[in-house]
Amino acid sequence: MMKTKLITVLAVLHFSWNAYSQEETCQNLNFNEGWNLFSTYIQIEDHEPYSFFLDVNANFFIAKGVSLVFLYEYAANFGLEIHNDQGYFVKMHESDTLTHCGNQIIPEEYPITLEQGWNIMPYLRDTSQNAAEALSEISSEIHLVKNILGQVYMPSWEYNGIGDLKPGEGYQIKMNSEQILIYDAND
């Protein structure tokens, strides 16, 4: 058992070491008025929410992860950092677009740990992919996945109301056990 965990840890370290392209690119994150779920496939170098949301700060109200919160208007950060291996809720006063530039993640070399219970899952590919296909390797351990609209993917029922996972979006996912998610390569 210990040997398996050590191999997994070493594999994760190897994957994340070379998980970024060397060419800079940009991604537009489109936020609607109200609540959004987002993630980014561009490397985040400054994990501080003040810096990440600088371009949309006039319309920005709150960001939260699974258990941490950042309230922009009150200059209150309760431990939230922005990372590529997570998705986040964001509440906006008005619709706005944040352009995030940097090195693009190589999704097949960037493992995501999904813990048992609820997670906010990022989507790291730069093109859409059917949810059932994208999550097929861990589908037996997924209870459900839902997007910001409340549409769900439930593998046990063979139901995919989400359709495609989309770049820039995040998803709530409830796992039956801890799993490592590795997305397919970009097309």
N, C-alpha and C. Protein backbone atom coordinates (compact mmCIF):
# COMPACT_ATOMS: atom_id res chain seq x y z
N MET A 1 0.83 -1.19 0.00
CA MET A 1 0.00 0.00 0.00
C MET A 1 0.87 1.26 0.00
N MET A 2 1.89 1.32 0.87
CA MET A 2 2.77 2.48 0.96
C MET A 2 3.52 2.69 -0.35
N LYS A 3 3.94 1.60 -0.98
CA LYS A 3 4.66 1.69 -2.25
C LYS A 3 3.79 2.30 -3.33
N THR A 4 2.51 1.91 -3.39
CA THR A 4 1.57 2.46 -4.38
C THR A 4 1.40 3.96 -4.17
N LYS A 5 1.23 4.40 -2.92
CA LYS A 5 1.07 5.83 -2.64
C LYS A 5 2.32 6.60 -3.03
N LEU A 6 3.51 6.05 -2.76
CA LEU A 6 4.76 6.70 -3.12
C LEU A 6 4.87 6.85 -4.63
N ILE A 7 4.51 5.81 -5.36
CA ILE A 7 4.55 5.87 -6.83
C ILE A 7 3.59 6.93 -7.33
N THR A 8 2.38 7.00 -6.74
CA THR A 8 1.40 8.01 -7.13
C THR A 8 1.94 9.41 -6.87
N VAL A 9 2.53 9.64 -5.70
CA VAL A 9 3.10 10.95 -5.37
C VAL A 9 4.21 11.30 -6.36
N LEU A 10 5.09 10.37 -6.65
CA LEU A 10 6.16 10.64 -7.60
C LEU A 10 5.61 10.92 -8.99
N ALA A 11 4.58 10.21 -9.40
CA ALA A 11 3.96 10.45 -10.71
C ALA A 11 3.36 11.84 -10.76
N VAL A 12 2.68 12.26 -9.70
CA VAL A 12 2.09 13.61 -9.65
C VAL A 12 3.18 14.66 -9.71
N LEU A 13 4.27 14.47 -8.97
CA LEU A 13 5.37 15.42 -9.01
C LEU A 13 5.98 15.50 -10.41
N HIS A 14 6.14 14.36 -11.08
CA HIS A 14 6.69 14.35 -12.43
C HIS A 14 5.76 15.08 -13.40
N PHE A 15 4.46 14.78 -13.32
CA PHE A 15 3.51 15.41 -14.22
C PHE A 15 3.52 16.92 -14.06
N SER A 16 3.40 17.41 -12.82
CA SER A 16 3.27 18.85 -12.62
C SER A 16 4.57 19.61 -12.91
N TRP A 17 5.69 18.92 -12.92
CA TRP A 17 6.97 19.57 -13.20
C TRP A 17 7.03 20.11 -14.62
N ASN A 18 6.45 19.39 -15.59
CA ASN A 18 6.49 19.77 -17.00
C ASN A 18 5.10 20.06 -17.55
N ALA A 19 4.22 20.62 -16.74
CA ALA A 19 2.81 20.72 -17.11
C ALA A 19 2.44 21.99 -17.88
N TYR A 20 3.41 22.81 -18.26
CA TYR A 20 3.10 24.07 -18.93
C TYR A 20 3.84 24.18 -20.26
N SER A 21 3.17 24.76 -21.25
CA SER A 21 3.83 25.03 -22.52
C SER A 21 4.81 26.18 -22.31
N GLN A 22 5.70 26.38 -23.24
CA GLN A 22 6.66 27.47 -23.14
C GLN A 22 6.23 28.72 -23.91
N GLU A 23 5.11 28.62 -24.61
CA GLU A 23 4.60 29.77 -25.37
C GLU A 23 3.51 30.46 -24.58
N GLU A 24 3.58 31.79 -24.52
CA GLU A 24 2.55 32.54 -23.82
C GLU A 24 1.30 32.63 -24.69
N THR A 25 0.16 32.48 -24.05
CA THR A 25 -1.14 32.60 -24.72
C THR A 25 -2.10 33.26 -23.74
N CYS A 26 -3.28 33.63 -24.22
CA CYS A 26 -4.26 34.29 -23.37
C CYS A 26 -5.59 33.55 -23.44
N GLN A 27 -6.34 33.65 -22.37
CA GLN A 27 -7.68 33.08 -22.29
C GLN A 27 -8.61 34.16 -21.77
N ASN A 28 -9.75 34.33 -22.43
CA ASN A 28 -10.78 35.24 -21.96
C ASN A 28 -11.74 34.49 -21.05
N LEU A 29 -11.87 34.95 -19.83
CA LEU A 29 -12.82 34.39 -18.88
C LEU A 29 -14.02 35.31 -18.85
N ASN A 30 -15.14 34.84 -19.36
CA ASN A 30 -16.36 35.65 -19.44
C ASN A 30 -17.22 35.40 -18.22
N PHE A 31 -17.43 36.45 -17.44
CA PHE A 31 -18.24 36.37 -16.24
C PHE A 31 -19.58 37.05 -16.48
N ASN A 32 -20.67 36.37 -16.16
CA ASN A 32 -22.00 36.95 -16.25
C ASN A 32 -22.32 37.68 -14.96
N GLU A 33 -23.28 38.58 -15.00
CA GLU A 33 -23.77 39.21 -13.78
C GLU A 33 -24.32 38.10 -12.88
N GLY A 34 -24.03 38.16 -11.61
CA GLY A 34 -24.47 37.12 -10.67
C GLY A 34 -23.39 36.08 -10.49
N TRP A 35 -23.80 34.85 -10.17
CA TRP A 35 -22.86 33.79 -9.86
C TRP A 35 -22.32 33.10 -11.10
N ASN A 36 -21.05 32.74 -11.06
CA ASN A 36 -20.35 32.02 -12.11
C ASN A 36 -19.49 30.95 -11.46
N LEU A 37 -19.16 29.91 -12.22
CA LEU A 37 -18.17 28.90 -11.82
C LEU A 37 -17.07 28.97 -12.87
N PHE A 38 -15.83 29.20 -12.46
CA PHE A 38 -14.77 29.34 -13.46
C PHE A 38 -13.53 28.55 -13.07
N SER A 39 -12.69 28.36 -14.08
CA SER A 39 -11.34 27.82 -13.93
C SER A 39 -10.54 28.34 -15.12
N THR A 40 -9.23 28.14 -15.09
CA THR A 40 -8.41 28.61 -16.20
C THR A 40 -7.35 27.59 -16.57
N TYR A 41 -7.07 27.50 -17.87
CA TYR A 41 -6.01 26.61 -18.35
C TYR A 41 -4.69 27.36 -18.56
N ILE A 42 -4.62 28.59 -18.09
CA ILE A 42 -3.39 29.38 -18.13
C ILE A 42 -2.73 29.33 -16.75
N GLN A 43 -1.43 29.09 -16.72
CA GLN A 43 -0.70 29.00 -15.45
C GLN A 43 -0.94 30.24 -14.60
N ILE A 44 -1.26 30.02 -13.36
CA ILE A 44 -1.45 31.11 -12.40
C ILE A 44 -0.15 31.24 -11.61
N GLU A 45 0.49 32.38 -11.76
CA GLU A 45 1.75 32.60 -11.05
C GLU A 45 1.55 33.36 -9.75
N ASP A 46 0.63 34.32 -9.75
CA ASP A 46 0.33 35.09 -8.53
C ASP A 46 -1.01 34.58 -8.02
N HIS A 47 -1.00 33.84 -6.93
CA HIS A 47 -2.19 33.17 -6.42
C HIS A 47 -3.09 34.09 -5.60
N GLU A 48 -2.67 35.31 -5.40
CA GLU A 48 -3.42 36.29 -4.62
C GLU A 48 -4.66 36.75 -5.41
N PRO A 49 -5.87 36.62 -4.84
CA PRO A 49 -7.08 37.01 -5.57
C PRO A 49 -7.10 38.49 -5.99
N TYR A 50 -6.54 39.39 -5.16
CA TYR A 50 -6.51 40.81 -5.53
C TYR A 50 -5.83 40.99 -6.89
N SER A 51 -4.71 40.32 -7.08
CA SER A 51 -3.97 40.42 -8.34
C SER A 51 -4.71 39.75 -9.48
N PHE A 52 -5.24 38.55 -9.24
CA PHE A 52 -5.90 37.80 -10.31
C PHE A 52 -7.10 38.54 -10.87
N PHE A 53 -7.90 39.14 -10.00
CA PHE A 53 -9.13 39.82 -10.42
C PHE A 53 -8.97 41.31 -10.67
N LEU A 54 -7.75 41.79 -10.79
CA LEU A 54 -7.48 43.20 -10.94
C LEU A 54 -8.23 43.84 -12.11
N ASP A 55 -8.32 43.16 -13.24
CA ASP A 55 -8.96 43.74 -14.43
C ASP A 55 -10.48 43.83 -14.33
N VAL A 56 -11.10 43.13 -13.42
CA VAL A 56 -12.56 43.17 -13.29
C VAL A 56 -12.99 43.67 -11.91
N ASN A 57 -12.10 44.31 -11.18
CA ASN A 57 -12.39 44.65 -9.80
C ASN A 57 -13.58 45.58 -9.61
N ALA A 58 -13.90 46.42 -10.58
CA ALA A 58 -15.04 47.32 -10.44
C ALA A 58 -16.36 46.56 -10.43
N ASN A 59 -16.39 45.41 -11.09
CA ASN A 59 -17.63 44.63 -11.17
C ASN A 59 -17.62 43.39 -10.28
N PHE A 60 -16.53 43.18 -9.58
CA PHE A 60 -16.30 41.96 -8.82
C PHE A 60 -16.81 42.11 -7.39
N PHE A 61 -17.46 41.08 -6.86
CA PHE A 61 -17.97 41.14 -5.50
C PHE A 61 -17.33 40.10 -4.59
N ILE A 62 -17.40 38.81 -4.97
CA ILE A 62 -16.93 37.74 -4.10
C ILE A 62 -16.40 36.57 -4.91
N ALA A 63 -15.40 35.89 -4.38
CA ALA A 63 -14.91 34.63 -4.95
C ALA A 63 -14.84 33.64 -3.81
N LYS A 64 -15.16 32.38 -4.12
CA LYS A 64 -15.03 31.37 -3.07
C LYS A 64 -14.68 30.03 -3.66
N GLY A 65 -13.92 29.29 -2.88
CA GLY A 65 -13.59 27.91 -3.21
C GLY A 65 -14.52 27.01 -2.42
N VAL A 66 -14.07 25.79 -2.15
CA VAL A 66 -14.91 24.86 -1.41
C VAL A 66 -15.18 25.39 0.00
N SER A 67 -14.18 25.97 0.66
CA SER A 67 -14.40 26.45 2.03
C SER A 67 -13.75 27.80 2.34
N LEU A 68 -13.14 28.44 1.35
CA LEU A 68 -12.45 29.71 1.58
C LEU A 68 -13.10 30.82 0.77
N VAL A 69 -13.03 32.06 1.29
CA VAL A 69 -13.75 33.18 0.67
C VAL A 69 -12.86 34.40 0.54
N PHE A 70 -13.09 35.17 -0.52
CA PHE A 70 -12.43 36.46 -0.75
C PHE A 70 -13.53 37.48 -1.06
N LEU A 71 -13.67 38.51 -0.20
CA LEU A 71 -14.68 39.57 -0.40
C LEU A 71 -13.96 40.83 -0.86
N TYR A 72 -14.06 41.14 -2.13
CA TYR A 72 -13.31 42.25 -2.70
C TYR A 72 -13.71 43.58 -2.07
N GLU A 73 -15.02 43.86 -2.00
CA GLU A 73 -15.49 45.16 -1.52
C GLU A 73 -15.08 45.46 -0.10
N TYR A 74 -14.85 44.44 0.69
CA TYR A 74 -14.48 44.62 2.09
C TYR A 74 -12.99 44.37 2.33
N ALA A 75 -12.24 44.16 1.25
CA ALA A 75 -10.81 43.88 1.34
C ALA A 75 -10.53 42.76 2.34
N ALA A 76 -11.37 41.73 2.28
CA ALA A 76 -11.25 40.63 3.24
C ALA A 76 -10.97 39.33 2.51
N ASN A 77 -9.82 38.75 2.76
CA ASN A 77 -9.47 37.46 2.19
C ASN A 77 -9.34 36.45 3.32
N PHE A 78 -10.20 35.46 3.29
CA PHE A 78 -10.20 34.42 4.32
C PHE A 78 -9.51 33.17 3.79
N GLY A 79 -8.25 33.34 3.37
CA GLY A 79 -7.40 32.23 2.98
C GLY A 79 -7.50 31.77 1.54
N LEU A 80 -8.29 32.45 0.72
CA LEU A 80 -8.46 31.99 -0.66
C LEU A 80 -7.24 32.33 -1.51
N GLU A 81 -6.76 31.35 -2.24
CA GLU A 81 -5.73 31.53 -3.26
C GLU A 81 -6.28 30.92 -4.54
N ILE A 82 -5.88 31.44 -5.67
CA ILE A 82 -6.35 30.96 -6.97
C ILE A 82 -5.29 29.99 -7.52
N HIS A 83 -5.71 28.75 -7.82
CA HIS A 83 -4.83 27.72 -8.34
C HIS A 83 -5.48 27.04 -9.54
N ASN A 84 -4.68 26.48 -10.42
CA ASN A 84 -5.20 25.82 -11.62
C ASN A 84 -5.91 24.50 -11.32
N ASP A 85 -5.59 23.86 -10.23
CA ASP A 85 -6.19 22.55 -9.96
C ASP A 85 -7.53 22.66 -9.23
N GLN A 86 -8.11 23.85 -9.24
CA GLN A 86 -9.39 24.09 -8.58
C GLN A 86 -10.28 24.93 -9.49
N GLY A 87 -11.56 24.87 -9.21
CA GLY A 87 -12.51 25.79 -9.81
C GLY A 87 -13.03 26.70 -8.71
N TYR A 88 -13.68 27.80 -9.09
CA TYR A 88 -14.11 28.79 -8.10
C TYR A 88 -15.46 29.39 -8.48
N PHE A 89 -16.23 29.73 -7.45
CA PHE A 89 -17.43 30.54 -7.64
C PHE A 89 -17.00 32.00 -7.65
N VAL A 90 -17.62 32.79 -8.49
CA VAL A 90 -17.39 34.23 -8.54
C VAL A 90 -18.74 34.91 -8.70
N LYS A 91 -18.97 35.95 -7.91
CA LYS A 91 -20.19 36.73 -8.06
C LYS A 91 -19.82 38.11 -8.59
N MET A 92 -20.50 38.52 -9.66
CA MET A 92 -20.22 39.79 -10.32
C MET A 92 -21.42 40.73 -10.20
N HIS A 93 -21.14 42.04 -10.06
CA HIS A 93 -22.20 43.05 -10.10
C HIS A 93 -22.73 43.20 -11.52
N GLU A 94 -21.83 43.13 -12.49
CA GLU A 94 -22.17 43.24 -13.91
C GLU A 94 -21.32 42.24 -14.69
N SER A 95 -21.76 41.90 -15.89
CA SER A 95 -20.96 41.03 -16.76
C SER A 95 -19.64 41.70 -17.09
N ASP A 96 -18.60 40.91 -17.22
CA ASP A 96 -17.28 41.45 -17.54
C ASP A 96 -16.41 40.30 -18.06
N THR A 97 -15.31 40.66 -18.70
CA THR A 97 -14.36 39.68 -19.21
C THR A 97 -13.00 39.94 -18.61
N LEU A 98 -12.39 38.89 -18.11
CA LEU A 98 -11.03 38.97 -17.59
C LEU A 98 -10.14 38.23 -18.58
N THR A 99 -9.12 38.90 -19.09
CA THR A 99 -8.16 38.26 -19.98
C THR A 99 -6.95 37.85 -19.15
N HIS A 100 -6.71 36.55 -19.12
CA HIS A 100 -5.62 35.98 -18.32
C HIS A 100 -4.57 35.43 -19.28
N CYS A 101 -3.34 35.92 -19.19
CA CYS A 101 -2.26 35.52 -20.11
C CYS A 101 -1.14 34.83 -19.34
N GLY A 102 -0.47 33.92 -20.04
CA GLY A 102 0.66 33.21 -19.45
C GLY A 102 0.90 31.92 -20.21
N ASN A 103 1.60 30.98 -19.57
CA ASN A 103 1.88 29.68 -20.18
C ASN A 103 0.66 28.78 -20.05
N GLN A 104 0.32 28.10 -21.13
CA GLN A 104 -0.85 27.23 -21.14
C GLN A 104 -0.52 25.89 -20.49
N ILE A 105 -1.47 25.38 -19.72
CA ILE A 105 -1.31 24.06 -19.09
C ILE A 105 -1.39 22.98 -20.17
N ILE A 106 -0.57 21.97 -20.03
CA ILE A 106 -0.67 20.76 -20.85
C ILE A 106 -1.55 19.82 -20.04
N PRO A 107 -2.84 19.69 -20.41
CA PRO A 107 -3.80 19.02 -19.52
C PRO A 107 -3.46 17.57 -19.18
N GLU A 108 -2.89 16.83 -20.11
CA GLU A 108 -2.58 15.42 -19.83
C GLU A 108 -1.38 15.27 -18.90
N GLU A 109 -0.70 16.37 -18.60
CA GLU A 109 0.45 16.34 -17.69
C GLU A 109 0.17 17.10 -16.39
N TYR A 110 -1.11 17.39 -16.13
CA TYR A 110 -1.49 18.16 -14.94
C TYR A 110 -2.59 17.43 -14.18
N PRO A 111 -2.22 16.49 -13.29
CA PRO A 111 -3.22 15.72 -12.55
C PRO A 111 -3.97 16.58 -11.53
N ILE A 112 -5.24 16.27 -11.37
CA ILE A 112 -6.10 16.99 -10.43
C ILE A 112 -6.58 15.99 -9.39
N THR A 113 -6.34 16.27 -8.13
CA THR A 113 -6.82 15.41 -7.06
C THR A 113 -8.24 15.84 -6.69
N LEU A 114 -9.17 14.91 -6.80
CA LEU A 114 -10.55 15.13 -6.40
C LEU A 114 -10.78 14.32 -5.13
N GLU A 115 -11.08 14.99 -4.05
CA GLU A 115 -11.27 14.34 -2.76
C GLU A 115 -12.66 13.72 -2.67
N GLN A 116 -12.83 12.77 -1.76
CA GLN A 116 -14.14 12.21 -1.51
C GLN A 116 -15.06 13.33 -1.04
N GLY A 117 -16.28 13.37 -1.54
CA GLY A 117 -17.22 14.43 -1.20
C GLY A 117 -17.22 15.49 -2.29
N TRP A 118 -17.57 16.71 -1.90
CA TRP A 118 -17.70 17.81 -2.87
C TRP A 118 -16.37 18.48 -3.19
N ASN A 119 -16.18 18.79 -4.47
CA ASN A 119 -15.02 19.53 -4.99
C ASN A 119 -15.54 20.53 -6.01
N ILE A 120 -14.74 21.53 -6.30
CA ILE A 120 -15.01 22.39 -7.45
C ILE A 120 -13.90 22.08 -8.45
N MET A 121 -14.30 21.43 -9.52
CA MET A 121 -13.36 20.87 -10.50
C MET A 121 -13.08 21.88 -11.61
N PRO A 122 -11.81 22.06 -11.97
CA PRO A 122 -11.49 22.90 -13.13
C PRO A 122 -11.63 22.10 -14.41
N TYR A 123 -11.68 22.80 -15.51
CA TYR A 123 -11.60 22.15 -16.82
C TYR A 123 -10.39 22.76 -17.50
N LEU A 124 -9.36 21.95 -17.79
CA LEU A 124 -8.06 22.45 -18.21
C LEU A 124 -7.77 22.36 -19.71
N ARG A 125 -8.70 21.85 -20.48
CA ARG A 125 -8.47 21.78 -21.93
C ARG A 125 -8.85 23.12 -22.58
N ASP A 126 -8.31 23.38 -23.77
CA ASP A 126 -8.64 24.63 -24.46
C ASP A 126 -9.77 24.47 -25.47
N THR A 127 -10.35 23.27 -25.56
CA THR A 127 -11.53 23.02 -26.39
C THR A 127 -12.53 22.22 -25.56
N SER A 128 -13.78 22.30 -25.93
CA SER A 128 -14.83 21.56 -25.22
C SER A 128 -14.68 20.06 -25.44
N GLN A 129 -15.20 19.29 -24.50
CA GLN A 129 -15.22 17.84 -24.61
C GLN A 129 -16.44 17.31 -23.85
N ASN A 130 -17.08 16.31 -24.41
CA ASN A 130 -18.23 15.70 -23.78
C ASN A 130 -17.88 15.27 -22.36
N ALA A 131 -18.74 15.60 -21.40
CA ALA A 131 -18.46 15.31 -19.99
C ALA A 131 -18.24 13.82 -19.75
N ALA A 132 -19.06 12.96 -20.35
CA ALA A 132 -18.90 11.52 -20.15
C ALA A 132 -17.55 11.03 -20.67
N GLU A 133 -17.12 11.57 -21.79
CA GLU A 133 -15.82 11.20 -22.37
C GLU A 133 -14.67 11.75 -21.52
N ALA A 134 -14.76 13.01 -21.13
CA ALA A 134 -13.68 13.65 -20.37
C ALA A 134 -13.46 13.00 -19.01
N LEU A 135 -14.53 12.48 -18.41
CA LEU A 135 -14.46 11.93 -17.05
C LEU A 135 -14.56 10.40 -17.01
N SER A 136 -14.43 9.77 -18.16
CA SER A 136 -14.65 8.33 -18.26
C SER A 136 -13.74 7.50 -17.35
N GLU A 137 -12.50 7.92 -17.14
CA GLU A 137 -11.56 7.14 -16.33
C GLU A 137 -11.93 7.09 -14.85
N ILE A 138 -12.71 8.07 -14.38
CA ILE A 138 -13.09 8.09 -12.96
C ILE A 138 -14.61 8.01 -12.78
N SER A 139 -15.36 7.76 -13.84
CA SER A 139 -16.83 7.82 -13.79
C SER A 139 -17.45 6.87 -12.77
N SER A 140 -16.83 5.74 -12.50
CA SER A 140 -17.40 4.79 -11.54
C SER A 140 -17.39 5.36 -10.12
N GLU A 141 -16.58 6.38 -9.86
CA GLU A 141 -16.49 6.98 -8.53
C GLU A 141 -17.15 8.36 -8.45
N ILE A 142 -17.81 8.78 -9.52
CA ILE A 142 -18.51 10.07 -9.52
C ILE A 142 -19.96 9.85 -9.12
N HIS A 143 -20.41 10.61 -8.11
CA HIS A 143 -21.82 10.60 -7.75
C HIS A 143 -22.59 11.51 -8.71
N LEU A 144 -22.12 12.75 -8.84
CA LEU A 144 -22.70 13.66 -9.83
C LEU A 144 -21.78 14.84 -10.07
N VAL A 145 -21.97 15.46 -11.24
CA VAL A 145 -21.27 16.68 -11.63
C VAL A 145 -22.35 17.67 -12.02
N LYS A 146 -22.19 18.95 -11.61
CA LYS A 146 -23.16 19.94 -12.06
C LYS A 146 -22.46 21.24 -12.42
N ASN A 147 -23.09 21.95 -13.36
CA ASN A 147 -22.55 23.24 -13.79
C ASN A 147 -23.30 24.36 -13.07
N ILE A 148 -22.98 25.60 -13.40
CA ILE A 148 -23.58 26.75 -12.73
C ILE A 148 -25.08 26.86 -13.01
N LEU A 149 -25.54 26.26 -14.10
CA LEU A 149 -26.97 26.29 -14.44
C LEU A 149 -27.76 25.19 -13.74
N GLY A 150 -27.06 24.31 -13.01
CA GLY A 150 -27.72 23.21 -12.32
C GLY A 150 -27.92 21.98 -13.19
N GLN A 151 -27.38 22.01 -14.40
CA GLN A 151 -27.44 20.83 -15.26
C GLN A 151 -26.47 19.79 -14.71
N VAL A 152 -26.84 18.50 -14.81
CA VAL A 152 -26.03 17.47 -14.17
C VAL A 152 -25.57 16.39 -15.13
N TYR A 153 -24.47 15.76 -14.74
CA TYR A 153 -23.97 14.53 -15.35
C TYR A 153 -23.96 13.51 -14.23
N MET A 154 -24.71 12.39 -14.42
CA MET A 154 -24.79 11.33 -13.43
C MET A 154 -24.43 10.01 -14.12
N PRO A 155 -23.18 9.58 -14.01
CA PRO A 155 -22.74 8.36 -14.69
C PRO A 155 -23.55 7.12 -14.31
N SER A 156 -23.95 6.99 -13.06
CA SER A 156 -24.67 5.80 -12.63
C SER A 156 -26.04 5.69 -13.32
N TRP A 157 -26.58 6.79 -13.76
CA TRP A 157 -27.85 6.80 -14.48
C TRP A 157 -27.64 6.91 -15.98
N GLU A 158 -26.38 7.00 -16.40
CA GLU A 158 -26.03 7.21 -17.81
C GLU A 158 -26.74 8.44 -18.36
N TYR A 159 -26.74 9.52 -17.54
CA TYR A 159 -27.43 10.76 -17.91
C TYR A 159 -26.41 11.90 -17.99
N ASN A 160 -26.39 12.59 -19.10
CA ASN A 160 -25.49 13.74 -19.28
C ASN A 160 -26.30 14.96 -19.71
N GLY A 161 -26.79 15.70 -18.74
CA GLY A 161 -27.52 16.94 -19.01
C GLY A 161 -26.59 18.13 -19.22
N ILE A 162 -25.30 17.97 -18.91
CA ILE A 162 -24.32 19.04 -19.12
C ILE A 162 -23.91 19.11 -20.59
N GLY A 163 -23.77 17.95 -21.21
CA GLY A 163 -23.24 17.91 -22.57
C GLY A 163 -21.73 18.01 -22.51
N ASP A 164 -21.17 19.13 -22.99
CA ASP A 164 -19.73 19.32 -23.04
C ASP A 164 -19.22 20.13 -21.85
N LEU A 165 -18.03 19.74 -21.34
CA LEU A 165 -17.29 20.59 -20.42
C LEU A 165 -16.64 21.66 -21.28
N LYS A 166 -16.59 22.90 -20.77
CA LYS A 166 -16.14 24.03 -21.59
C LYS A 166 -14.97 24.77 -20.95
N PRO A 167 -14.02 25.22 -21.78
CA PRO A 167 -12.89 26.00 -21.26
C PRO A 167 -13.38 27.25 -20.51
N GLY A 168 -12.73 27.53 -19.39
CA GLY A 168 -13.08 28.70 -18.60
C GLY A 168 -14.12 28.44 -17.54
N GLU A 169 -14.77 27.29 -17.62
CA GLU A 169 -15.82 26.99 -16.65
C GLU A 169 -15.30 26.04 -15.57
N GLY A 170 -15.96 26.07 -14.43
CA GLY A 170 -15.70 25.14 -13.34
C GLY A 170 -16.95 24.33 -13.11
N TYR A 171 -16.82 23.24 -12.36
CA TYR A 171 -17.94 22.32 -12.14
C TYR A 171 -17.90 21.80 -10.72
N GLN A 172 -19.06 21.71 -10.09
CA GLN A 172 -19.14 21.05 -8.80
C GLN A 172 -19.20 19.56 -9.07
N ILE A 173 -18.42 18.80 -8.31
CA ILE A 173 -18.40 17.35 -8.49
C ILE A 173 -18.39 16.69 -7.11
N LYS A 174 -19.26 15.69 -6.97
CA LYS A 174 -19.30 14.92 -5.73
C LYS A 174 -18.73 13.54 -6.01
N MET A 175 -17.66 13.20 -5.29
CA MET A 175 -16.94 11.96 -5.50
C MET A 175 -17.27 10.95 -4.40
N ASN A 176 -17.35 9.68 -4.80
CA ASN A 176 -17.54 8.59 -3.84
C ASN A 176 -16.24 8.22 -3.14
N SER A 177 -15.11 8.51 -3.78
CA SER A 177 -13.79 8.26 -3.20
C SER A 177 -12.80 9.24 -3.83
N GLU A 178 -11.63 9.37 -3.21
CA GLU A 178 -10.59 10.24 -3.78
C GLU A 178 -10.09 9.63 -5.09
N GLN A 179 -9.93 10.47 -6.09
CA GLN A 179 -9.46 10.03 -7.40
C GLN A 179 -8.53 11.08 -7.98
N ILE A 180 -7.69 10.65 -8.92
CA ILE A 180 -6.84 11.55 -9.69
C ILE A 180 -7.44 11.67 -11.09
N LEU A 181 -7.76 12.89 -11.49
CA LEU A 181 -8.31 13.16 -12.82
C LEU A 181 -7.21 13.68 -13.72
N ILE A 182 -7.07 13.08 -14.88
CA ILE A 182 -6.13 13.56 -15.89
C ILE A 182 -6.92 13.73 -17.18
N TYR A 183 -6.96 14.96 -17.66
CA TYR A 183 -7.71 15.25 -18.89
C TYR A 183 -6.94 14.76 -20.12
N ASP A 184 -7.68 14.54 -21.21
CA ASP A 184 -7.06 14.21 -22.48
C ASP A 184 -6.26 15.41 -22.99
N ALA A 185 -5.36 15.15 -23.93
CA ALA A 185 -4.57 16.23 -24.55
C ALA A 185 -5.50 17.15 -25.34
N ASN A 186 -5.06 18.38 -25.51
CA ASN A 186 -5.80 19.31 -26.36
C ASN A 186 -5.81 18.79 -27.79
N ASP A 187 -6.87 19.12 -28.52
CA ASP A 187 -6.99 18.69 -29.92
C ASP A 187 -5.97 19.38 -30.80
